[in-house]
Amino acid sequence: SSSLAIDAPTLWSPANNSAGIVQTP
């Protein structure tokens, strides 16, 4: 079961702690 564990994704955008006005990014 542990060998079947799937990798976690790497988050891309919006970048962590980035700011923006687009409400549907």
PDB file of all heavy atoms in Angstrom:
ATOM      1  N   SER A   1       0.830  -1.208   0.000  1.00  0.00           N
ATOM      2  CA  SER A   1       0.000   0.000   0.000  1.00  0.00           C
ATOM      3  C   SER A   1       0.858   1.249   0.000  1.00  0.00           C
ATOM      4  O   SER A   1       0.610   2.218  -0.712  1.00  0.00           O
ATOM      5  CB  SER A   1      -0.937   0.002   1.207  1.00  0.00           C
ATOM      6  OG  SER A   1      -1.839  -1.074   1.122  1.00  0.00           O
ATOM      7  N   SER A   2       1.932   1.226   0.817  1.00  0.00           N
ATOM      8  CA  SER A   2       2.775   2.414   0.874  1.00  0.00           C
ATOM      9  C   SER A   2       3.524   2.612  -0.430  1.00  0.00           C
ATOM     10  O   SER A   2       3.797   3.736  -0.839  1.00  0.00           O
ATOM     11  CB  SER A   2       3.752   2.301   2.054  1.00  0.00           C
ATOM     12  OG  SER A   2       4.644   1.206   1.848  1.00  0.00           O
ATOM     13  N   SER A   3       3.839   1.513  -1.145  1.00  0.00           N
ATOM     14  CA  SER A   3       4.559   1.662  -2.408  1.00  0.00           C
ATOM     15  C   SER A   3       3.662   2.229  -3.498  1.00  0.00           C
ATOM     16  O   SER A   3       4.148   2.710  -4.508  1.00  0.00           O
ATOM     17  CB  SER A   3       5.123   0.305  -2.844  1.00  0.00           C
ATOM     18  OG  SER A   3       4.069  -0.574  -3.216  1.00  0.00           O
ATOM     19  N   LEU A   4       2.338   2.147  -3.301  1.00  0.00           N
ATOM     20  CA  LEU A   4       1.407   2.688  -4.279  1.00  0.00           C
ATOM     21  C   LEU A   4       1.139   4.174  -4.067  1.00  0.00           C
ATOM     22  O   LEU A   4       0.416   4.781  -4.849  1.00  0.00           O
ATOM     23  CB  LEU A   4       0.073   1.923  -4.215  1.00  0.00           C
ATOM     24  CG  LEU A   4       0.098   0.478  -4.709  1.00  0.00           C
ATOM     25  CD1 LEU A   4      -1.252  -0.176  -4.477  1.00  0.00           C
ATOM     26  CD2 LEU A   4       0.473   0.436  -6.181  1.00  0.00           C
ATOM     27  N   ALA A   5       1.677   4.751  -3.005  1.00  0.00           N
ATOM     28  CA  ALA A   5       1.410   6.163  -2.730  1.00  0.00           C
ATOM     29  C   ALA A   5       1.847   7.010  -3.924  1.00  0.00           C
ATOM     30  O   ALA A   5       2.916   6.798  -4.501  1.00  0.00           O
ATOM     31  CB  ALA A   5       2.150   6.591  -1.471  1.00  0.00           C
ATOM     32  N   ILE A   6       1.030   8.005  -4.303  1.00  0.00           N
ATOM     33  CA  ILE A   6       1.293   8.839  -5.466  1.00  0.00           C
ATOM     34  C   ILE A   6       1.983  10.121  -5.023  1.00  0.00           C
ATOM     35  O   ILE A   6       1.735  10.633  -3.926  1.00  0.00           O
ATOM     36  CB  ILE A   6      -0.027   9.123  -6.215  1.00  0.00           C
ATOM     37  CG1 ILE A   6       0.245   9.804  -7.554  1.00  0.00           C
ATOM     38  CG2 ILE A   6      -0.990   9.931  -5.363  1.00  0.00           C
ATOM     39  CD1 ILE A   6      -0.989   9.851  -8.446  1.00  0.00           C
ATOM     40  N   ASP A   7       2.843  10.630  -5.877  1.00  0.00           N
ATOM     41  CA  ASP A   7       3.575  11.848  -5.543  1.00  0.00           C
ATOM     42  C   ASP A   7       2.637  13.047  -5.483  1.00  0.00           C
ATOM     43  O   ASP A   7       1.610  13.097  -6.174  1.00  0.00           O
ATOM     44  CB  ASP A   7       4.661  12.122  -6.583  1.00  0.00           C
ATOM     45  CG  ASP A   7       5.793  11.110  -6.527  1.00  0.00           C
ATOM     46  OD1 ASP A   7       5.965  10.497  -5.459  1.00  0.00           O
ATOM     47  OD2 ASP A   7       6.481  10.937  -7.547  1.00  0.00           O
ATOM     48  N   ALA A   8       3.011  14.010  -4.686  1.00  0.00           N
ATOM     49  CA  ALA A   8       2.255  15.262  -4.613  1.00  0.00           C
ATOM     50  C   ALA A   8       2.677  16.172  -5.765  1.00  0.00           C
ATOM     51  O   ALA A   8       3.828  16.144  -6.211  1.00  0.00           O
ATOM     52  CB  ALA A   8       2.513  15.953  -3.278  1.00  0.00           C
ATOM     53  N   PRO A   9       1.765  16.992  -6.283  1.00  0.00           N
ATOM     54  CA  PRO A   9       2.133  17.920  -7.353  1.00  0.00           C
ATOM     55  C   PRO A   9       2.977  19.075  -6.831  1.00  0.00           C
ATOM     56  O   PRO A   9       3.012  19.336  -5.628  1.00  0.00           O
ATOM     57  CB  PRO A   9       0.777  18.412  -7.861  1.00  0.00           C
ATOM     58  CG  PRO A   9      -0.143  18.266  -6.690  1.00  0.00           C
ATOM     59  CD  PRO A   9       0.342  17.062  -5.928  1.00  0.00           C
ATOM     60  N   THR A  10       3.633  19.739  -7.751  1.00  0.00           N
ATOM     61  CA  THR A  10       4.342  20.981  -7.440  1.00  0.00           C
ATOM     62  C   THR A  10       3.467  22.143  -7.908  1.00  0.00           C
ATOM     63  O   THR A  10       3.101  22.204  -9.091  1.00  0.00           O
ATOM     64  CB  THR A  10       5.701  21.038  -8.151  1.00  0.00           C
ATOM     65  OG1 THR A  10       6.507  19.946  -7.694  1.00  0.00           O
ATOM     66  CG2 THR A  10       6.411  22.354  -7.858  1.00  0.00           C
ATOM     67  N   LEU A  11       3.108  23.038  -7.008  1.00  0.00           N
ATOM     68  CA  LEU A  11       2.246  24.159  -7.375  1.00  0.00           C
ATOM     69  C   LEU A  11       3.040  25.188  -8.178  1.00  0.00           C
ATOM     70  O   LEU A  11       4.204  25.459  -7.893  1.00  0.00           O
ATOM     71  CB  LEU A  11       1.649  24.803  -6.118  1.00  0.00           C
ATOM     72  CG  LEU A  11       0.842  23.878  -5.206  1.00  0.00           C
ATOM     73  CD1 LEU A  11       0.137  24.693  -4.123  1.00  0.00           C
ATOM     74  CD2 LEU A  11      -0.161  23.050  -5.991  1.00  0.00           C
ATOM     75  N   TRP A  12       2.374  25.769  -9.176  1.00  0.00           N
ATOM     76  CA  TRP A  12       3.036  26.722 -10.073  1.00  0.00           C
ATOM     77  C   TRP A  12       2.471  28.133  -9.920  1.00  0.00           C
ATOM     78  O   TRP A  12       3.177  29.061  -9.541  1.00  0.00           O
ATOM     79  CB  TRP A  12       2.906  26.256 -11.526  1.00  0.00           C
ATOM     80  CG  TRP A  12       3.816  25.114 -11.868  1.00  0.00           C
ATOM     81  CD1 TRP A  12       4.857  24.634 -11.120  1.00  0.00           C
ATOM     82  CD2 TRP A  12       3.771  24.293 -13.042  1.00  0.00           C
ATOM     83  NE1 TRP A  12       5.466  23.588 -11.751  1.00  0.00           N
ATOM     84  CE2 TRP A  12       4.830  23.343 -12.936  1.00  0.00           C
ATOM     85  CE3 TRP A  12       2.964  24.266 -14.165  1.00  0.00           C
ATOM     86  CZ2 TRP A  12       5.081  22.390 -13.923  1.00  0.00           C
ATOM     87  CZ3 TRP A  12       3.219  23.311 -15.145  1.00  0.00           C
ATOM     88  CH2 TRP A  12       4.263  22.384 -15.024  1.00  0.00           C
ATOM     89  N   SER A  13       1.230  28.319 -10.274  1.00  0.00           N
ATOM     90  CA  SER A  13       0.682  29.681 -10.279  1.00  0.00           C
ATOM     91  C   SER A  13      -0.764  29.672  -9.790  1.00  0.00           C
ATOM     92  O   SER A  13      -1.476  28.687  -9.995  1.00  0.00           O
ATOM     93  CB  SER A  13       0.739  30.276 -11.694  1.00  0.00           C
ATOM     94  OG  SER A  13      -0.120  29.543 -12.577  1.00  0.00           O
ATOM     95  N   PRO A  14      -1.173  30.772  -9.128  1.00  0.00           N
ATOM     96  CA  PRO A  14      -0.372  31.941  -8.747  1.00  0.00           C
ATOM     97  C   PRO A  14       0.733  31.525  -7.754  1.00  0.00           C
ATOM     98  O   PRO A  14       0.500  30.668  -6.891  1.00  0.00           O
ATOM     99  CB  PRO A  14      -1.376  32.870  -8.080  1.00  0.00           C
ATOM    100  CG  PRO A  14      -2.729  32.384  -8.502  1.00  0.00           C
ATOM    101  CD  PRO A  14      -2.579  30.911  -8.706  1.00  0.00           C
ATOM    102  N   ALA A  15       1.896  32.147  -7.895  1.00  0.00           N
ATOM    103  CA  ALA A  15       3.015  31.807  -7.028  1.00  0.00           C
ATOM    104  C   ALA A  15       2.668  32.099  -5.570  1.00  0.00           C
ATOM    105  O   ALA A  15       1.821  32.950  -5.271  1.00  0.00           O
ATOM    106  CB  ALA A  15       4.246  32.611  -7.439  1.00  0.00           C
ATOM    107  N   ASN A  16       3.307  31.377  -4.680  1.00  0.00           N
ATOM    108  CA  ASN A  16       3.012  31.522  -3.261  1.00  0.00           C
ATOM    109  C   ASN A  16       3.217  32.965  -2.793  1.00  0.00           C
ATOM    110  O   ASN A  16       4.245  33.588  -3.082  1.00  0.00           O
ATOM    111  CB  ASN A  16       3.901  30.586  -2.453  1.00  0.00           C
ATOM    112  CG  ASN A  16       3.404  30.412  -1.029  1.00  0.00           C
ATOM    113  OD1 ASN A  16       2.211  30.560  -0.762  1.00  0.00           O
ATOM    114  ND2 ASN A  16       4.296  30.092  -0.110  1.00  0.00           N
ATOM    115  N   ASN A  17       2.210  33.489  -2.115  1.00  0.00           N
ATOM    116  CA  ASN A  17       2.205  34.856  -1.565  1.00  0.00           C
ATOM    117  C   ASN A  17       2.223  35.934  -2.635  1.00  0.00           C
ATOM    118  O   ASN A  17       2.484  37.101  -2.330  1.00  0.00           O
ATOM    119  CB  ASN A  17       3.379  35.067  -0.600  1.00  0.00           C
ATOM    120  CG  ASN A  17       3.196  34.287   0.681  1.00  0.00           C
ATOM    121  OD1 ASN A  17       2.097  34.196   1.214  1.00  0.00           O
ATOM    122  ND2 ASN A  17       4.279  33.687   1.174  1.00  0.00           N
ATOM    123  N   SER A  18       1.949  35.554  -3.909  1.00  0.00           N
ATOM    124  CA  SER A  18       1.850  36.572  -4.950  1.00  0.00           C
ATOM    125  C   SER A  18       0.535  37.323  -4.811  1.00  0.00           C
ATOM    126  O   SER A  18      -0.417  36.852  -4.180  1.00  0.00           O
ATOM    127  CB  SER A  18       1.936  35.936  -6.336  1.00  0.00           C
ATOM    128  OG  SER A  18       0.851  35.035  -6.533  1.00  0.00           O
ATOM    129  N   ALA A  19       0.492  38.519  -5.386  1.00  0.00           N
ATOM    130  CA  ALA A  19      -0.701  39.371  -5.288  1.00  0.00           C
ATOM    131  C   ALA A  19      -1.257  39.641  -6.681  1.00  0.00           C
ATOM    132  O   ALA A  19      -0.518  39.662  -7.672  1.00  0.00           O
ATOM    133  CB  ALA A  19      -0.361  40.682  -4.587  1.00  0.00           C
ATOM    134  N   GLY A  20      -2.562  39.844  -6.769  1.00  0.00           N
ATOM    135  CA  GLY A  20      -3.185  40.154  -8.045  1.00  0.00           C
ATOM    136  C   GLY A  20      -4.607  40.603  -7.860  1.00  0.00           C
ATOM    137  O   GLY A  20      -5.181  40.491  -6.775  1.00  0.00           O
ATOM    138  N   ILE A  21      -5.193  41.126  -8.951  1.00  0.00           N
ATOM    139  CA  ILE A  21      -6.579  41.609  -8.916  1.00  0.00           C
ATOM    140  C   ILE A  21      -7.519  40.669  -9.667  1.00  0.00           C
ATOM    141  O   ILE A  21      -8.737  40.853  -9.606  1.00  0.00           O
ATOM    142  CB  ILE A  21      -6.697  43.023  -9.501  1.00  0.00           C
ATOM    143  CG1 ILE A  21      -6.366  43.027 -11.010  1.00  0.00           C
ATOM    144  CG2 ILE A  21      -5.807  43.998  -8.742  1.00  0.00           C
ATOM    145  CD1 ILE A  21      -6.726  44.318 -11.716  1.00  0.00           C
ATOM    146  N   VAL A  22      -6.976  39.685 -10.390  1.00  0.00           N
ATOM    147  CA  VAL A  22      -7.819  38.789 -11.181  1.00  0.00           C
ATOM    148  C   VAL A  22      -8.561  37.851 -10.246  1.00  0.00           C
ATOM    149  O   VAL A  22      -7.944  37.051  -9.528  1.00  0.00           O
ATOM    150  CB  VAL A  22      -6.982  38.002 -12.197  1.00  0.00           C
ATOM    151  CG1 VAL A  22      -7.867  37.006 -12.947  1.00  0.00           C
ATOM    152  CG2 VAL A  22      -6.312  38.962 -13.181  1.00  0.00           C
ATOM    153  N   GLN A  23      -9.879  37.922 -10.256  1.00  0.00           N
ATOM    154  CA  GLN A  23     -10.699  37.148  -9.325  1.00  0.00           C
ATOM    155  C   GLN A  23     -11.031  35.752  -9.828  1.00  0.00           C
ATOM    156  O   GLN A  23     -11.639  34.961  -9.111  1.00  0.00           O
ATOM    157  CB  GLN A  23     -11.981  37.925  -9.010  1.00  0.00           C
ATOM    158  CG  GLN A  23     -11.718  39.222  -8.242  1.00  0.00           C
ATOM    159  CD  GLN A  23     -12.971  40.053  -8.099  1.00  0.00           C
ATOM    160  OE1 GLN A  23     -13.258  40.928  -8.913  1.00  0.00           O
ATOM    161  NE2 GLN A  23     -13.741  39.779  -7.056  1.00  0.00           N
ATOM    162  N   THR A  24     -10.637  35.461 -11.058  1.00  0.00           N
ATOM    163  CA  THR A  24     -10.801  34.112 -11.622  1.00  0.00           C
ATOM    164  C   THR A  24      -9.460  33.675 -12.202  1.00  0.00           C
ATOM    165  O   THR A  24      -9.340  33.440 -13.407  1.00  0.00           O
ATOM    166  CB  THR A  24     -11.899  34.094 -12.703  1.00  0.00           C
ATOM    167  OG1 THR A  24     -11.632  35.148 -13.656  1.00  0.00           O
ATOM    168  CG2 THR A  24     -13.266  34.292 -12.104  1.00  0.00           C
ATOM    169  N   PRO A  25      -8.431  33.559 -11.366  1.00  0.00           N
ATOM    170  CA  PRO A  25      -7.113  33.176 -11.890  1.00  0.00           C
ATOM    171  C   PRO A  25      -7.075  31.722 -12.304  1.00  0.00           C
ATOM    172  O   PRO A  25      -7.906  30.913 -11.886  1.00  0.00           O
ATOM    173  CB  PRO A  25      -6.187  33.433 -10.696  1.00  0.00           C
ATOM    174  CG  PRO A  25      -7.063  33.217  -9.510  1.00  0.00           C
ATOM    175  CD  PRO A  25      -8.422  33.723  -9.905  1.00  0.00           C
TER     176      PRO A  25
END
